[in-house]
Amino acid sequence: MYRLNLPPYEIKIKEKGGRHAVFDVLRRKYVNLTPEEWVRQHFIHYLTEHKGYPTSLLANEVKLHLGQKSLRCDSVLYDKMLQPRMIIEYKAPTIQITQKTFDQIFAYNILMHVDYLVVSNGMSHYCCRMDYEGGKYAFLNDIPDYKQL
């Protein structure tokens, strides 16, 4: 796989049905290892091991419904009252993060109304804090530690 701009960790990979699978610590099962999944697993490790995010408040593949349309957030951080606080969207390392990526996560946020939006392709990471009262958002220099949220 790709070398990412994220800390390495002991990733668990096995062969499953002739394909590689990676252990997802949040879903507690092996899932198909795609380039996007590679980024997701490294990013979740980064959040939990380096930024102090509790695994009990993170979820992968969160389903949303907008009318008849079904959407899926890559990862969501919840607060202790199980209200969503952060949406995280991943792309494969070879996929450039563009305005289309931000449009995608902003669409999810119409339904979730979170405080933070994060986008990563494993090489570049963007985090913005929403200001609903001011009707704007601000990009942060780094992903905040969990205690800073």
C-alpha atoms as a PDB file:
ATOM      1  CA  MET A   1       0.000   0.000   0.000  1.00  0.00           C
ATOM      2  CA  TYR A   2       0.941   3.653   0.207  1.00  0.00           C
ATOM      3  CA  ARG A   3       3.199   5.451   2.651  1.00  0.00           C
ATOM      4  CA  LEU A   4       1.028   8.115   4.272  1.00  0.00           C
ATOM      5  CA  ASN A   5       1.572  11.402   6.052  1.00  0.00           C
ATOM      6  CA  LEU A   6       0.281   9.738   9.241  1.00  0.00           C
ATOM      7  CA  PRO A   7       2.070   7.822  12.002  1.00  0.00           C
ATOM      8  CA  PRO A   8       2.635   4.142  11.200  1.00  0.00           C
ATOM      9  CA  TYR A   9       1.144   1.432  13.374  1.00  0.00           C
ATOM     10  CA  GLU A  10       0.894  -2.346  13.502  1.00  0.00           C
ATOM     11  CA  ILE A  11      -1.903  -2.829  11.040  1.00  0.00           C
ATOM     12  CA  LYS A  12      -3.597  -6.244  10.988  1.00  0.00           C
ATOM     13  CA  ILE A  13      -4.004  -7.595   7.466  1.00  0.00           C
ATOM     14  CA  LYS A  14      -5.132 -11.033   6.342  1.00  0.00           C
ATOM     15  CA  GLU A  15      -6.233 -12.691   3.149  1.00  0.00           C
ATOM     16  CA  LYS A  16      -9.978 -13.170   2.874  1.00  0.00           C
ATOM     17  CA  GLY A  17     -11.556 -14.743  -0.200  1.00  0.00           C
ATOM     18  CA  GLY A  18      -8.490 -14.107  -2.334  1.00  0.00           C
ATOM     19  CA  ARG A  19      -8.370 -10.426  -1.324  1.00  0.00           C
ATOM     20  CA  HIS A  20      -6.587  -8.559   1.404  1.00  0.00           C
ATOM     21  CA  ALA A  21      -8.608  -7.429   4.410  1.00  0.00           C
ATOM     22  CA  VAL A  22      -7.682  -5.050   7.218  1.00  0.00           C
ATOM     23  CA  PHE A  23      -8.936  -5.155  10.785  1.00  0.00           C
ATOM     24  CA  ASP A  24     -11.194  -2.213  11.575  1.00  0.00           C
ATOM     25  CA  VAL A  25     -10.892  -1.485  15.303  1.00  0.00           C
ATOM     26  CA  LEU A  26     -14.199   0.400  15.366  1.00  0.00           C
ATOM     27  CA  ARG A  27     -16.318  -2.162  13.524  1.00  0.00           C
ATOM     28  CA  ARG A  28     -14.329  -4.982  15.171  1.00  0.00           C
ATOM     29  CA  LYS A  29     -14.049  -6.981  11.978  1.00  0.00           C
ATOM     30  CA  TYR A  30     -11.906  -7.406   8.884  1.00  0.00           C
ATOM     31  CA  VAL A  31     -12.975  -5.310   5.887  1.00  0.00           C
ATOM     32  CA  ASN A  32     -11.707  -5.189   2.302  1.00  0.00           C
ATOM     33  CA  LEU A  33      -8.414  -3.358   2.076  1.00  0.00           C
ATOM     34  CA  THR A  34      -8.847  -0.564  -0.443  1.00  0.00           C
ATOM     35  CA  PRO A  35      -6.669   2.548  -0.700  1.00  0.00           C
ATOM     36  CA  GLU A  36      -9.412   4.572   1.023  1.00  0.00           C
ATOM     37  CA  GLU A  37      -9.696   1.974   3.801  1.00  0.00           C
ATOM     38  CA  TRP A  38      -5.902   2.137   4.247  1.00  0.00           C
ATOM     39  CA  VAL A  39      -6.265   5.883   4.883  1.00  0.00           C
ATOM     40  CA  ARG A  40      -9.265   5.398   7.199  1.00  0.00           C
ATOM     41  CA  GLN A  41      -7.513   2.857   9.416  1.00  0.00           C
ATOM     42  CA  HIS A  42      -4.365   4.969   9.700  1.00  0.00           C
ATOM     43  CA  PHE A  43      -6.389   8.102  10.428  1.00  0.00           C
ATOM     44  CA  ILE A  44      -8.480   6.387  13.123  1.00  0.00           C
ATOM     45  CA  HIS A  45      -5.242   5.135  14.700  1.00  0.00           C
ATOM     46  CA  TYR A  46      -3.858   8.697  14.562  1.00  0.00           C
ATOM     47  CA  LEU A  47      -6.968  10.107  16.264  1.00  0.00           C
ATOM     48  CA  THR A  48      -7.113   7.479  19.005  1.00  0.00           C
ATOM     49  CA  GLU A  49      -3.418   6.938  19.729  1.00  0.00           C
ATOM     50  CA  HIS A  50      -1.998  10.415  19.087  1.00  0.00           C
ATOM     51  CA  LYS A  51      -4.908  12.820  19.571  1.00  0.00           C
ATOM     52  CA  GLY A  52      -6.727  11.099  22.462  1.00  0.00           C
ATOM     53  CA  TYR A  53     -10.044  10.399  20.736  1.00  0.00           C
ATOM     54  CA  PRO A  54     -11.996   7.600  22.491  1.00  0.00           C
ATOM     55  CA  THR A  55     -12.790   4.655  20.217  1.00  0.00           C
ATOM     56  CA  SER A  56     -16.133   4.334  22.012  1.00  0.00           C
ATOM     57  CA  LEU A  57     -17.233   7.678  20.517  1.00  0.00           C
ATOM     58  CA  LEU A  58     -16.075   7.011  16.940  1.00  0.00           C
ATOM     59  CA  ALA A  59     -18.008   5.111  14.269  1.00  0.00           C
ATOM     60  CA  ASN A  60     -17.184   4.080  10.685  1.00  0.00           C
ATOM     61  CA  GLU A  61     -19.621   3.869   7.769  1.00  0.00           C
ATOM     62  CA  VAL A  62     -22.422   5.888   9.372  1.00  0.00           C
ATOM     63  CA  LYS A  63     -25.600   5.756   7.283  1.00  0.00           C
ATOM     64  CA  LEU A  64     -27.708   8.851   6.671  1.00  0.00           C
ATOM     65  CA  HIS A  65     -31.010   9.222   4.859  1.00  0.00           C
ATOM     66  CA  LEU A  66     -32.115  12.228   2.828  1.00  0.00           C
ATOM     67  CA  GLY A  67     -35.588  11.454   1.545  1.00  0.00           C
ATOM     68  CA  GLN A  68     -35.236   8.280  -0.510  1.00  0.00           C
ATOM     69  CA  LYS A  69     -31.482   8.780  -0.906  1.00  0.00           C
ATOM     70  CA  SER A  70     -29.090   6.864   1.352  1.00  0.00           C
ATOM     71  CA  LEU A  71     -25.735   8.471   2.184  1.00  0.00           C
ATOM     72  CA  ARG A  72     -22.731   7.212   4.148  1.00  0.00           C
ATOM     73  CA  CYS A  73     -20.257   9.184   6.257  1.00  0.00           C
ATOM     74  CA  ASP A  74     -16.832   7.574   6.376  1.00  0.00           C
ATOM     75  CA  SER A  75     -16.362   8.279  10.106  1.00  0.00           C
ATOM     76  CA  VAL A  76     -18.211  10.248  12.762  1.00  0.00           C
ATOM     77  CA  LEU A  77     -17.111  11.382  16.215  1.00  0.00           C
ATOM     78  CA  TYR A  78     -19.888  11.653  18.793  1.00  0.00           C
ATOM     79  CA  ASP A  79     -19.946  13.472  22.122  1.00  0.00           C
ATOM     80  CA  LYS A  80     -20.765  11.753  25.409  1.00  0.00           C
ATOM     81  CA  MET A  81     -24.476  12.382  24.807  1.00  0.00           C
ATOM     82  CA  LEU A  82     -24.091  10.579  21.438  1.00  0.00           C
ATOM     83  CA  GLN A  83     -24.634  13.731  19.426  1.00  0.00           C
ATOM     84  CA  PRO A  84     -22.402  14.002  16.321  1.00  0.00           C
ATOM     85  CA  ARG A  85     -19.459  16.417  16.733  1.00  0.00           C
ATOM     86  CA  MET A  86     -17.202  15.683  13.757  1.00  0.00           C
ATOM     87  CA  ILE A  87     -17.565  14.174  10.294  1.00  0.00           C
ATOM     88  CA  ILE A  88     -14.443  12.712   8.676  1.00  0.00           C
ATOM     89  CA  GLU A  89     -14.248  12.008   4.948  1.00  0.00           C
ATOM     90  CA  TYR A  90     -11.430   9.951   3.426  1.00  0.00           C
ATOM     91  CA  LYS A  91     -10.095   9.676  -0.075  1.00  0.00           C
ATOM     92  CA  ALA A  92      -7.445   7.371  -1.481  1.00  0.00           C
ATOM     93  CA  PRO A  93      -3.899   8.811  -1.422  1.00  0.00           C
ATOM     94  CA  THR A  94      -3.953   9.159  -5.210  1.00  0.00           C
ATOM     95  CA  ILE A  95      -7.175  11.207  -5.153  1.00  0.00           C
ATOM     96  CA  GLN A  96      -6.672  14.943  -4.941  1.00  0.00           C
ATOM     97  CA  ILE A  97      -8.846  16.770  -2.417  1.00  0.00           C
ATOM     98  CA  THR A  98     -10.946  19.258  -4.348  1.00  0.00           C
ATOM     99  CA  GLN A  99     -13.970  21.480  -3.870  1.00  0.00           C
ATOM    100  CA  LYS A 100     -16.103  18.455  -4.806  1.00  0.00           C
ATOM    101  CA  THR A 101     -14.760  16.657  -1.702  1.00  0.00           C
ATOM    102  CA  PHE A 102     -15.744  19.576   0.507  1.00  0.00           C
ATOM    103  CA  ASP A 103     -19.155  19.788  -1.179  1.00  0.00           C
ATOM    104  CA  GLN A 104     -19.663  16.114  -0.293  1.00  0.00           C
ATOM    105  CA  ILE A 105     -18.879  16.582   3.414  1.00  0.00           C
ATOM    106  CA  PHE A 106     -20.921  19.818   3.578  1.00  0.00           C
ATOM    107  CA  ALA A 107     -23.905  17.858   2.204  1.00  0.00           C
ATOM    108  CA  TYR A 108     -23.526  15.332   5.031  1.00  0.00           C
ATOM    109  CA  ASN A 109     -23.345  18.191   7.486  1.00  0.00           C
ATOM    110  CA  ILE A 110     -26.719  19.539   6.394  1.00  0.00           C
ATOM    111  CA  LEU A 111     -28.142  16.449   8.096  1.00  0.00           C
ATOM    112  CA  MET A 112     -25.704  16.165  11.014  1.00  0.00           C
ATOM    113  CA  HIS A 113     -24.909  19.778  11.949  1.00  0.00           C
ATOM    114  CA  VAL A 114     -21.499  19.032  13.538  1.00  0.00           C
ATOM    115  CA  ASP A 115     -18.845  21.348  14.944  1.00  0.00           C
ATOM    116  CA  TYR A 116     -15.912  19.997  12.888  1.00  0.00           C
ATOM    117  CA  LEU A 117     -15.405  18.714   9.350  1.00  0.00           C
ATOM    118  CA  VAL A 118     -12.249  16.785   8.457  1.00  0.00           C
ATOM    119  CA  VAL A 119     -11.042  15.607   5.046  1.00  0.00           C
ATOM    120  CA  SER A 120      -7.944  13.465   4.462  1.00  0.00           C
ATOM    121  CA  ASN A 121      -6.376  11.480   1.657  1.00  0.00           C
ATOM    122  CA  GLY A 122      -3.626  10.301   3.988  1.00  0.00           C
ATOM    123  CA  MET A 123      -1.206  12.830   2.538  1.00  0.00           C
ATOM    124  CA  SER A 124      -3.083  16.092   3.155  1.00  0.00           C
ATOM    125  CA  HIS A 125      -5.473  16.705   6.034  1.00  0.00           C
ATOM    126  CA  TYR A 126      -7.960  19.549   6.368  1.00  0.00           C
ATOM    127  CA  CYS A 127     -10.053  20.450   9.392  1.00  0.00           C
ATOM    128  CA  CYS A 128     -12.551  23.246   9.691  1.00  0.00           C
ATOM    129  CA  ARG A 129     -14.616  24.423  12.633  1.00  0.00           C
ATOM    130  CA  MET A 130     -18.163  25.447  11.888  1.00  0.00           C
ATOM    131  CA  ASP A 131     -19.544  28.773  13.150  1.00  0.00           C
ATOM    132  CA  TYR A 132     -23.286  28.482  12.706  1.00  0.00           C
ATOM    133  CA  GLU A 133     -24.106  31.773  14.420  1.00  0.00           C
ATOM    134  CA  GLY A 134     -21.756  33.658  12.107  1.00  0.00           C
ATOM    135  CA  GLY A 135     -22.733  31.586   9.076  1.00  0.00           C
ATOM    136  CA  LYS A 136     -19.125  30.685   8.289  1.00  0.00           C
ATOM    137  CA  TYR A 137     -16.339  28.206   8.953  1.00  0.00           C
ATOM    138  CA  ALA A 138     -12.627  28.482   9.687  1.00  0.00           C
ATOM    139  CA  PHE A 139      -9.868  26.117   8.624  1.00  0.00           C
ATOM    140  CA  LEU A 140      -7.604  25.046  11.486  1.00  0.00           C
ATOM    141  CA  ASN A 141      -3.843  24.518  11.241  1.00  0.00           C
ATOM    142  CA  ASP A 142      -4.092  21.015  12.730  1.00  0.00           C
ATOM    143  CA  ILE A 143      -6.570  18.375  13.794  1.00  0.00           C
ATOM    144  CA  PRO A 144      -7.404  19.339  17.402  1.00  0.00           C
ATOM    145  CA  ASP A 145      -6.668  16.977  20.272  1.00  0.00           C
ATOM    146  CA  TYR A 146      -9.824  15.471  21.738  1.00  0.00           C
ATOM    147  CA  LYS A 147      -9.431  17.576  24.919  1.00  0.00           C
ATOM    148  CA  GLN A 148      -9.481  20.754  22.793  1.00  0.00           C
ATOM    149  CA  LEU A 149     -12.877  20.053  21.203  1.00  0.00           C
END
